[in-house]
Amino acid sequence: MNTINIKSMRRGIYAEVAERLRAKGIDLKVPTVRMRIVRGIDPIAMEIYAEILQKRIAAHTRAAGKLNKATKKLKEVS
């Protein structure tokens, strides 16, 4: 059975932050972006990170709800 993994929400998030920063004209590599977010020294990167994480958490919540509904219906049928 497939389960929704919370750790998967963070997969690739630093690369996505780096892409959005590139779109704004700030060219940083992914490890540099990660360091700046972890240390809390780049407010722009941290803002983008928080926005992306919020969207992913909302999507995770919706998916978890759909999974629970499907599981309940499956149990009712069987």
PDB file of N, CA and C in Angstrom:
ATOM      1  N   MET A   1       0.837  -1.182   0.000  1.00  0.00           N
ATOM      2  CA  MET A   1       0.000   0.000   0.000  1.00  0.00           C
ATOM      3  C   MET A   1       0.879   1.242   0.000  1.00  0.00           C
ATOM      4  N   ASN A   2       0.530   2.191  -0.801  1.00  0.00           N
ATOM      5  CA  ASN A   2       1.291   3.439  -0.858  1.00  0.00           C
ATOM      6  C   ASN A   2       0.872   4.359   0.280  1.00  0.00           C
ATOM      7  N   THR A   3       1.847   4.990   0.887  1.00  0.00           N
ATOM      8  CA  THR A   3       1.563   5.970   1.924  1.00  0.00           C
ATOM      9  C   THR A   3       2.184   7.289   1.527  1.00  0.00           C
ATOM     10  N   ILE A   4       1.682   8.342   2.106  1.00  0.00           N
ATOM     11  CA  ILE A   4       2.196   9.678   1.812  1.00  0.00           C
ATOM     12  C   ILE A   4       3.290   9.984   2.826  1.00  0.00           C
ATOM     13  N   ASN A   5       4.484  10.225   2.349  1.00  0.00           N
ATOM     14  CA  ASN A   5       5.626  10.465   3.209  1.00  0.00           C
ATOM     15  C   ASN A   5       5.832  11.966   3.394  1.00  0.00           C
ATOM     16  N   ILE A   6       5.898  12.403   4.637  1.00  0.00           N
ATOM     17  CA  ILE A   6       6.065  13.825   4.922  1.00  0.00           C
ATOM     18  C   ILE A   6       7.446  14.307   4.475  1.00  0.00           C
ATOM     19  N   LYS A   7       8.450  13.442   4.559  1.00  0.00           N
ATOM     20  CA  LYS A   7       9.797  13.835   4.147  1.00  0.00           C
ATOM     21  C   LYS A   7       9.863  14.156   2.658  1.00  0.00           C
ATOM     22  N   SER A   8       8.962  13.572   1.896  1.00  0.00           N
ATOM     23  CA  SER A   8       8.975  13.820   0.451  1.00  0.00           C
ATOM     24  C   SER A   8       8.575  15.247   0.108  1.00  0.00           C
ATOM     25  N   MET A   9       7.958  15.949   1.044  1.00  0.00           N
ATOM     26  CA  MET A   9       7.584  17.352   0.787  1.00  0.00           C
ATOM     27  C   MET A   9       8.817  18.227   0.603  1.00  0.00           C
ATOM     28  N   ARG A  10       9.892  17.869   1.273  1.00  0.00           N
ATOM     29  CA  ARG A  10      11.092  18.704   1.217  1.00  0.00           C
ATOM     30  C   ARG A  10      12.029  18.318   0.087  1.00  0.00           C
ATOM     31  N   ARG A  11      11.753  17.215  -0.586  1.00  0.00           N
ATOM     32  CA  ARG A  11      12.634  16.757  -1.654  1.00  0.00           C
ATOM     33  C   ARG A  11      12.632  17.769  -2.799  1.00  0.00           C
ATOM     34  N   GLY A  12      13.799  18.267  -3.138  1.00  0.00           N
ATOM     35  CA  GLY A  12      13.935  19.190  -4.263  1.00  0.00           C
ATOM     36  C   GLY A  12      13.539  20.615  -3.959  1.00  0.00           C
ATOM     37  N   ILE A  13      13.258  20.931  -2.697  1.00  0.00           N
ATOM     38  CA  ILE A  13      12.772  22.266  -2.374  1.00  0.00           C
ATOM     39  C   ILE A  13      13.877  23.312  -2.529  1.00  0.00           C
ATOM     40  N   TYR A  14      15.122  22.943  -2.224  1.00  0.00           N
ATOM     41  CA  TYR A  14      16.213  23.906  -2.345  1.00  0.00           C
ATOM     42  C   TYR A  14      16.498  24.221  -3.812  1.00  0.00           C
ATOM     43  N   ALA A  15      16.355  23.227  -4.682  1.00  0.00           N
ATOM     44  CA  ALA A  15      16.535  23.459  -6.117  1.00  0.00           C
ATOM     45  C   ALA A  15      15.448  24.393  -6.646  1.00  0.00           C
ATOM     46  N   GLU A  16      14.231  24.216  -6.148  1.00  0.00           N
ATOM     47  CA  GLU A  16      13.140  25.094  -6.573  1.00  0.00           C
ATOM     48  C   GLU A  16      13.353  26.519  -6.081  1.00  0.00           C
ATOM     49  N   VAL A  17      13.873  26.669  -4.871  1.00  0.00           N
ATOM     50  CA  VAL A  17      14.189  28.006  -4.351  1.00  0.00           C
ATOM     51  C   VAL A  17      15.277  28.639  -5.209  1.00  0.00           C
ATOM     52  N   ALA A  18      16.299  27.855  -5.573  1.00  0.00           N
ATOM     53  CA  ALA A  18      17.385  28.369  -6.413  1.00  0.00           C
ATOM     54  C   ALA A  18      16.851  28.824  -7.774  1.00  0.00           C
ATOM     55  N   GLU A  19      15.902  28.063  -8.346  1.00  0.00           N
ATOM     56  CA  GLU A  19      15.314  28.449  -9.627  1.00  0.00           C
ATOM     57  C   GLU A  19      14.557  29.761  -9.517  1.00  0.00           C
ATOM     58  N   ARG A  20      13.781  29.909  -8.441  1.00  0.00           N
ATOM     59  CA  ARG A  20      13.023  31.161  -8.262  1.00  0.00           C
ATOM     60  C   ARG A  20      13.947  32.345  -8.016  1.00  0.00           C
ATOM     61  N   LEU A  21      15.054  32.098  -7.307  1.00  0.00           N
ATOM     62  CA  LEU A  21      16.020  33.175  -7.100  1.00  0.00           C
ATOM     63  C   LEU A  21      16.672  33.566  -8.424  1.00  0.00           C
ATOM     64  N   ARG A  22      16.967  32.567  -9.281  1.00  0.00           N
ATOM     65  CA  ARG A  22      17.526  32.848 -10.609  1.00  0.00           C
ATOM     66  C   ARG A  22      16.576  33.698 -11.430  1.00  0.00           C
ATOM     67  N   ALA A  23      15.287  33.432 -11.302  1.00  0.00           N
ATOM     68  CA  ALA A  23      14.289  34.217 -12.028  1.00  0.00           C
ATOM     69  C   ALA A  23      14.286  35.669 -11.558  1.00  0.00           C
ATOM     70  N   LYS A  24      14.679  35.894 -10.311  1.00  0.00           N
ATOM     71  CA  LYS A  24      14.760  37.246  -9.771  1.00  0.00           C
ATOM     72  C   LYS A  24      16.110  37.893 -10.028  1.00  0.00           C
ATOM     73  N   GLY A  25      17.028  37.157 -10.657  1.00  0.00           N
ATOM     74  CA  GLY A  25      18.338  37.708 -10.985  1.00  0.00           C
ATOM     75  C   GLY A  25      19.426  37.381  -9.982  1.00  0.00           C
ATOM     76  N   ILE A  26      19.159  36.501  -9.051  1.00  0.00           N
ATOM     77  CA  ILE A  26      20.147  36.097  -8.051  1.00  0.00           C
ATOM     78  C   ILE A  26      20.585  34.676  -8.394  1.00  0.00           C
ATOM     79  N   ASP A  27      21.810  34.511  -8.853  1.00  0.00           N
ATOM     80  CA  ASP A  27      22.289  33.209  -9.312  1.00  0.00           C
ATOM     81  C   ASP A  27      23.120  32.542  -8.214  1.00  0.00           C
ATOM     82  N   LEU A  28      22.517  31.589  -7.524  1.00  0.00           N
ATOM     83  CA  LEU A  28      23.193  30.839  -6.472  1.00  0.00           C
ATOM     84  C   LEU A  28      23.027  29.350  -6.731  1.00  0.00           C
ATOM     85  N   LYS A  29      24.043  28.581  -6.333  1.00  0.00           N
ATOM     86  CA  LYS A  29      23.948  27.128  -6.464  1.00  0.00           C
ATOM     87  C   LYS A  29      23.126  26.570  -5.306  1.00  0.00           C
ATOM     88  N   VAL A  30      22.616  25.367  -5.497  1.00  0.00           N
ATOM     89  CA  VAL A  30      21.715  24.744  -4.526  1.00  0.00           C
ATOM     90  C   VAL A  30      22.350  24.612  -3.133  1.00  0.00           C
ATOM     91  N   PRO A  31      23.614  24.150  -3.007  1.00  0.00           N
ATOM     92  CA  PRO A  31      24.192  24.056  -1.657  1.00  0.00           C
ATOM     93  C   PRO A  31      24.284  25.413  -0.947  1.00  0.00           C
ATOM     94  N   THR A  32      24.531  26.461  -1.715  1.00  0.00           N
ATOM     95  CA  THR A  32      24.596  27.798  -1.132  1.00  0.00           C
ATOM     96  C   THR A  32      23.220  28.238  -0.644  1.00  0.00           C
ATOM     97  N   VAL A  33      22.206  27.952  -1.440  1.00  0.00           N
ATOM     98  CA  VAL A  33      20.834  28.292  -1.044  1.00  0.00           C
ATOM     99  C   VAL A  33      20.463  27.542   0.233  1.00  0.00           C
ATOM    100  N   ARG A  34      20.809  26.253   0.280  1.00  0.00           N
ATOM    101  CA  ARG A  34      20.506  25.440   1.465  1.00  0.00           C
ATOM    102  C   ARG A  34      21.193  26.011   2.704  1.00  0.00           C
ATOM    103  N   MET A  35      22.463  26.372   2.564  1.00  0.00           N
ATOM    104  CA  MET A  35      23.207  26.926   3.685  1.00  0.00           C
ATOM    105  C   MET A  35      22.566  28.225   4.178  1.00  0.00           C
ATOM    106  N   ARG A  36      22.176  29.087   3.234  1.00  0.00           N
ATOM    107  CA  ARG A  36      21.581  30.366   3.621  1.00  0.00           C
ATOM    108  C   ARG A  36      20.240  30.182   4.315  1.00  0.00           C
ATOM    109  N   ILE A  37      19.468  29.189   3.905  1.00  0.00           N
ATOM    110  CA  ILE A  37      18.172  28.943   4.538  1.00  0.00           C
ATOM    111  C   ILE A  37      18.361  28.322   5.912  1.00  0.00           C
ATOM    112  N   VAL A  38      19.244  27.334   6.012  1.00  0.00           N
ATOM    113  CA  VAL A  38      19.473  26.657   7.289  1.00  0.00           C
ATOM    114  C   VAL A  38      20.030  27.632   8.327  1.00  0.00           C
ATOM    115  N   ARG A  39      20.944  28.486   7.910  1.00  0.00           N
ATOM    116  CA  ARG A  39      21.533  29.451   8.840  1.00  0.00           C
ATOM    117  C   ARG A  39      20.635  30.660   9.077  1.00  0.00           C
ATOM    118  N   GLY A  40      19.672  30.875   8.183  1.00  0.00           N
ATOM    119  CA  GLY A  40      18.742  31.989   8.355  1.00  0.00           C
ATOM    120  C   GLY A  40      19.327  33.341   8.017  1.00  0.00           C
ATOM    121  N   ILE A  41      20.238  33.390   7.028  1.00  0.00           N
ATOM    122  CA  ILE A  41      20.903  34.650   6.711  1.00  0.00           C
ATOM    123  C   ILE A  41      20.372  35.321   5.446  1.00  0.00           C
ATOM    124  N   ASP A  42      19.481  34.653   4.721  1.00  0.00           N
ATOM    125  CA  ASP A  42      18.951  35.228   3.475  1.00  0.00           C
ATOM    126  C   ASP A  42      17.430  35.313   3.569  1.00  0.00           C
ATOM    127  N   PRO A  43      16.897  36.492   3.874  1.00  0.00           N
ATOM    128  CA  PRO A  43      15.448  36.608   4.054  1.00  0.00           C
ATOM    129  C   PRO A  43      14.648  36.339   2.783  1.00  0.00           C
ATOM    130  N   ILE A  44      15.196  36.661   1.625  1.00  0.00           N
ATOM    131  CA  ILE A  44      14.483  36.418   0.368  1.00  0.00           C
ATOM    132  C   ILE A  44      14.344  34.919   0.134  1.00  0.00           C
ATOM    133  N   ALA A  45      15.433  34.186   0.306  1.00  0.00           N
ATOM    134  CA  ALA A  45      15.401  32.735   0.115  1.00  0.00           C
ATOM    135  C   ALA A  45      14.497  32.073   1.151  1.00  0.00           C
ATOM    136  N   MET A  46      14.527  32.562   2.375  1.00  0.00           N
ATOM    137  CA  MET A  46      13.688  31.988   3.424  1.00  0.00           C
ATOM    138  C   MET A  46      12.207  32.238   3.143  1.00  0.00           C
ATOM    139  N   GLU A  47      11.890  33.381   2.591  1.00  0.00           N
ATOM    140  CA  GLU A  47      10.501  33.698   2.243  1.00  0.00           C
ATOM    141  C   GLU A  47       9.998  32.765   1.136  1.00  0.00           C
ATOM    142  N   ILE A  48      10.828  32.557   0.118  1.00  0.00           N
ATOM    143  CA  ILE A  48      10.471  31.649  -0.975  1.00  0.00           C
ATOM    144  C   ILE A  48      10.325  30.231  -0.449  1.00  0.00           C
ATOM    145  N   TYR A  49      11.244  29.814   0.416  1.00  0.00           N
ATOM    146  CA  TYR A  49      11.208  28.477   1.013  1.00  0.00           C
ATOM    147  C   TYR A  49       9.905  28.268   1.791  1.00  0.00           C
ATOM    148  N   ALA A  50       9.536  29.252   2.591  1.00  0.00           N
ATOM    149  CA  ALA A  50       8.314  29.145   3.388  1.00  0.00           C
ATOM    150  C   ALA A  50       7.078  29.058   2.493  1.00  0.00           C
ATOM    151  N   GLU A  51       7.070  29.832   1.424  1.00  0.00           N
ATOM    152  CA  GLU A  51       5.941  29.818   0.492  1.00  0.00           C
ATOM    153  C   GLU A  51       5.791  28.448  -0.173  1.00  0.00           C
ATOM    154  N   ILE A  52       6.897  27.899  -0.645  1.00  0.00           N
ATOM    155  CA  ILE A  52       6.871  26.590  -1.303  1.00  0.00           C
ATOM    156  C   ILE A  52       6.442  25.511  -0.311  1.00  0.00           C
ATOM    157  N   LEU A  53       7.005  25.549   0.895  1.00  0.00           N
ATOM    158  CA  LEU A  53       6.683  24.548   1.907  1.00  0.00           C
ATOM    159  C   LEU A  53       5.210  24.621   2.297  1.00  0.00           C
ATOM    160  N   GLN A  54       4.665  25.831   2.394  1.00  0.00           N
ATOM    161  CA  GLN A  54       3.260  25.996   2.718  1.00  0.00           C
ATOM    162  C   GLN A  54       2.370  25.361   1.649  1.00  0.00           C
ATOM    163  N   LYS A  55       2.713  25.577   0.384  1.00  0.00           N
ATOM    164  CA  LYS A  55       1.939  24.995  -0.709  1.00  0.00           C
ATOM    165  C   LYS A  55       2.026  23.469  -0.684  1.00  0.00           C
ATOM    166  N   ARG A  56       3.213  22.953  -0.405  1.00  0.00           N
ATOM    167  CA  ARG A  56       3.389  21.500  -0.361  1.00  0.00           C
ATOM    168  C   ARG A  56       2.640  20.879   0.811  1.00  0.00           C
ATOM    169  N   ILE A  57       2.627  21.559   1.945  1.00  0.00           N
ATOM    170  CA  ILE A  57       1.894  21.045   3.107  1.00  0.00           C
ATOM    171  C   ILE A  57       0.399  21.020   2.813  1.00  0.00           C
ATOM    172  N   ALA A  58      -0.107  22.070   2.159  1.00  0.00           N
ATOM    173  CA  ALA A  58      -1.524  22.106   1.794  1.00  0.00           C
ATOM    174  C   ALA A  58      -1.859  20.967   0.834  1.00  0.00           C
ATOM    175  N   ALA A  59      -1.001  20.739  -0.137  1.00  0.00           N
ATOM    176  CA  ALA A  59      -1.221  19.650  -1.087  1.00  0.00           C
ATOM    177  C   ALA A  59      -1.160  18.297  -0.378  1.00  0.00           C
ATOM    178  N   HIS A  60      -0.252  18.158   0.568  1.00  0.00           N
ATOM    179  CA  HIS A  60      -0.125  16.915   1.339  1.00  0.00           C
ATOM    180  C   HIS A  60      -1.394  16.663   2.151  1.00  0.00           C
ATOM    181  N   THR A  61      -1.927  17.706   2.753  1.00  0.00           N
ATOM    182  CA  THR A  61      -3.141  17.577   3.547  1.00  0.00           C
ATOM    183  C   THR A  61      -4.316  17.136   2.678  1.00  0.00           C
ATOM    184  N   ARG A  62      -4.436  17.743   1.495  1.00  0.00           N
ATOM    185  CA  ARG A  62      -5.507  17.353   0.581  1.00  0.00           C
ATOM    186  C   ARG A  62      -5.343  15.894   0.147  1.00  0.00           C
ATOM    187  N   ALA A  63      -4.124  15.514  -0.179  1.00  0.00           N
ATOM    188  CA  ALA A  63      -3.867  14.137  -0.622  1.00  0.00           C
ATOM    189  C   ALA A  63      -4.136  13.137   0.499  1.00  0.00           C
ATOM    190  N   ALA A  64      -3.775  13.487   1.723  1.00  0.00           N
ATOM    191  CA  ALA A  64      -4.022  12.603   2.851  1.00  0.00           C
ATOM    192  C   ALA A  64      -5.518  12.422   3.075  1.00  0.00           C
ATOM    193  N   GLY A  65      -6.275  13.492   2.900  1.00  0.00           N
ATOM    194  CA  GLY A  65      -7.727  13.400   3.036  1.00  0.00           C
ATOM    195  C   GLY A  65      -8.331  12.497   1.982  1.00  0.00           C
ATOM    196  N   LYS A  66      -7.858  12.633   0.743  1.00  0.00           N
ATOM    197  CA  LYS A  66      -8.353  11.775  -0.341  1.00  0.00           C
ATOM    198  C   LYS A  66      -7.989  10.316  -0.077  1.00  0.00           C
ATOM    199  N   LEU A  67      -6.784  10.074   0.433  1.00  0.00           N
ATOM    200  CA  LEU A  67      -6.353   8.709   0.733  1.00  0.00           C
ATOM    201  C   LEU A  67      -7.225   8.102   1.827  1.00  0.00           C
ATOM    202  N   ASN A  68      -7.525   8.886   2.847  1.00  0.00           N
ATOM    203  CA  ASN A  68      -8.370   8.387   3.935  1.00  0.00           C
ATOM    204  C   ASN A  68      -9.779   8.053   3.441  1.00  0.00           C
ATOM    205  N   LYS A  69     -10.344   8.921   2.599  1.00  0.00           N
ATOM    206  CA  LYS A  69     -11.679   8.658   2.051  1.00  0.00           C
ATOM    207  C   LYS A  69     -11.683   7.388   1.205  1.00  0.00           C
ATOM    208  N   ALA A  70     -10.655   7.242   0.391  1.00  0.00           N
ATOM    209  CA  ALA A  70     -10.563   6.051  -0.462  1.00  0.00           C
ATOM    210  C   ALA A  70     -10.406   4.789   0.372  1.00  0.00           C
ATOM    211  N   THR A  71      -9.641   4.874   1.442  1.00  0.00           N
ATOM    212  CA  THR A  71      -9.433   3.716   2.312  1.00  0.00           C
ATOM    213  C   THR A  71     -10.746   3.331   3.002  1.00  0.00           C
ATOM    214  N   LYS A  72     -11.499   4.330   3.459  1.00  0.00           N
ATOM    215  CA  LYS A  72     -12.786   4.048   4.099  1.00  0.00           C
ATOM    216  C   LYS A  72     -13.757   3.384   3.119  1.00  0.00           C
ATOM    217  N   LYS A  73     -13.812   3.888   1.895  1.00  0.00           N
ATOM    218  CA  LYS A  73     -14.697   3.308   0.891  1.00  0.00           C
ATOM    219  C   LYS A  73     -14.273   1.879   0.549  1.00  0.00           C
ATOM    220  N   LEU A  74     -12.991   1.649   0.491  1.00  0.00           N
ATOM    221  CA  LEU A  74     -12.482   0.313   0.213  1.00  0.00           C
ATOM    222  C   LEU A  74     -12.872  -0.672   1.317  1.00  0.00           C
ATOM    223  N   LYS A  75     -12.782  -0.209   2.563  1.00  0.00           N
ATOM    224  CA  LYS A  75     -13.150  -1.069   3.684  1.00  0.00           C
ATOM    225  C   LYS A  75     -14.644  -1.355   3.682  1.00  0.00           C
ATOM    226  N   GLU A  76     -15.448  -0.361   3.280  1.00  0.00           N
ATOM    227  CA  GLU A  76     -16.898  -0.563   3.216  1.00  0.00           C
ATOM    228  C   GLU A  76     -17.269  -1.587   2.147  1.00  0.00           C
ATOM    229  N   VAL A  77     -16.579  -1.542   1.026  1.00  0.00           N
ATOM    230  CA  VAL A  77     -16.879  -2.433  -0.071  1.00  0.00           C
ATOM    231  C   VAL A  77     -16.469  -3.870   0.259  1.00  0.00           C
ATOM    232  N   SER A  78     -15.342  -4.021   0.897  1.00  0.00           N
ATOM    233  CA  SER A  78     -14.841  -5.381   1.164  1.00  0.00           C
ATOM    234  C   SER A  78     -15.347  -5.964   2.451  1.00  0.00           C
TER     235      SER A  78
END
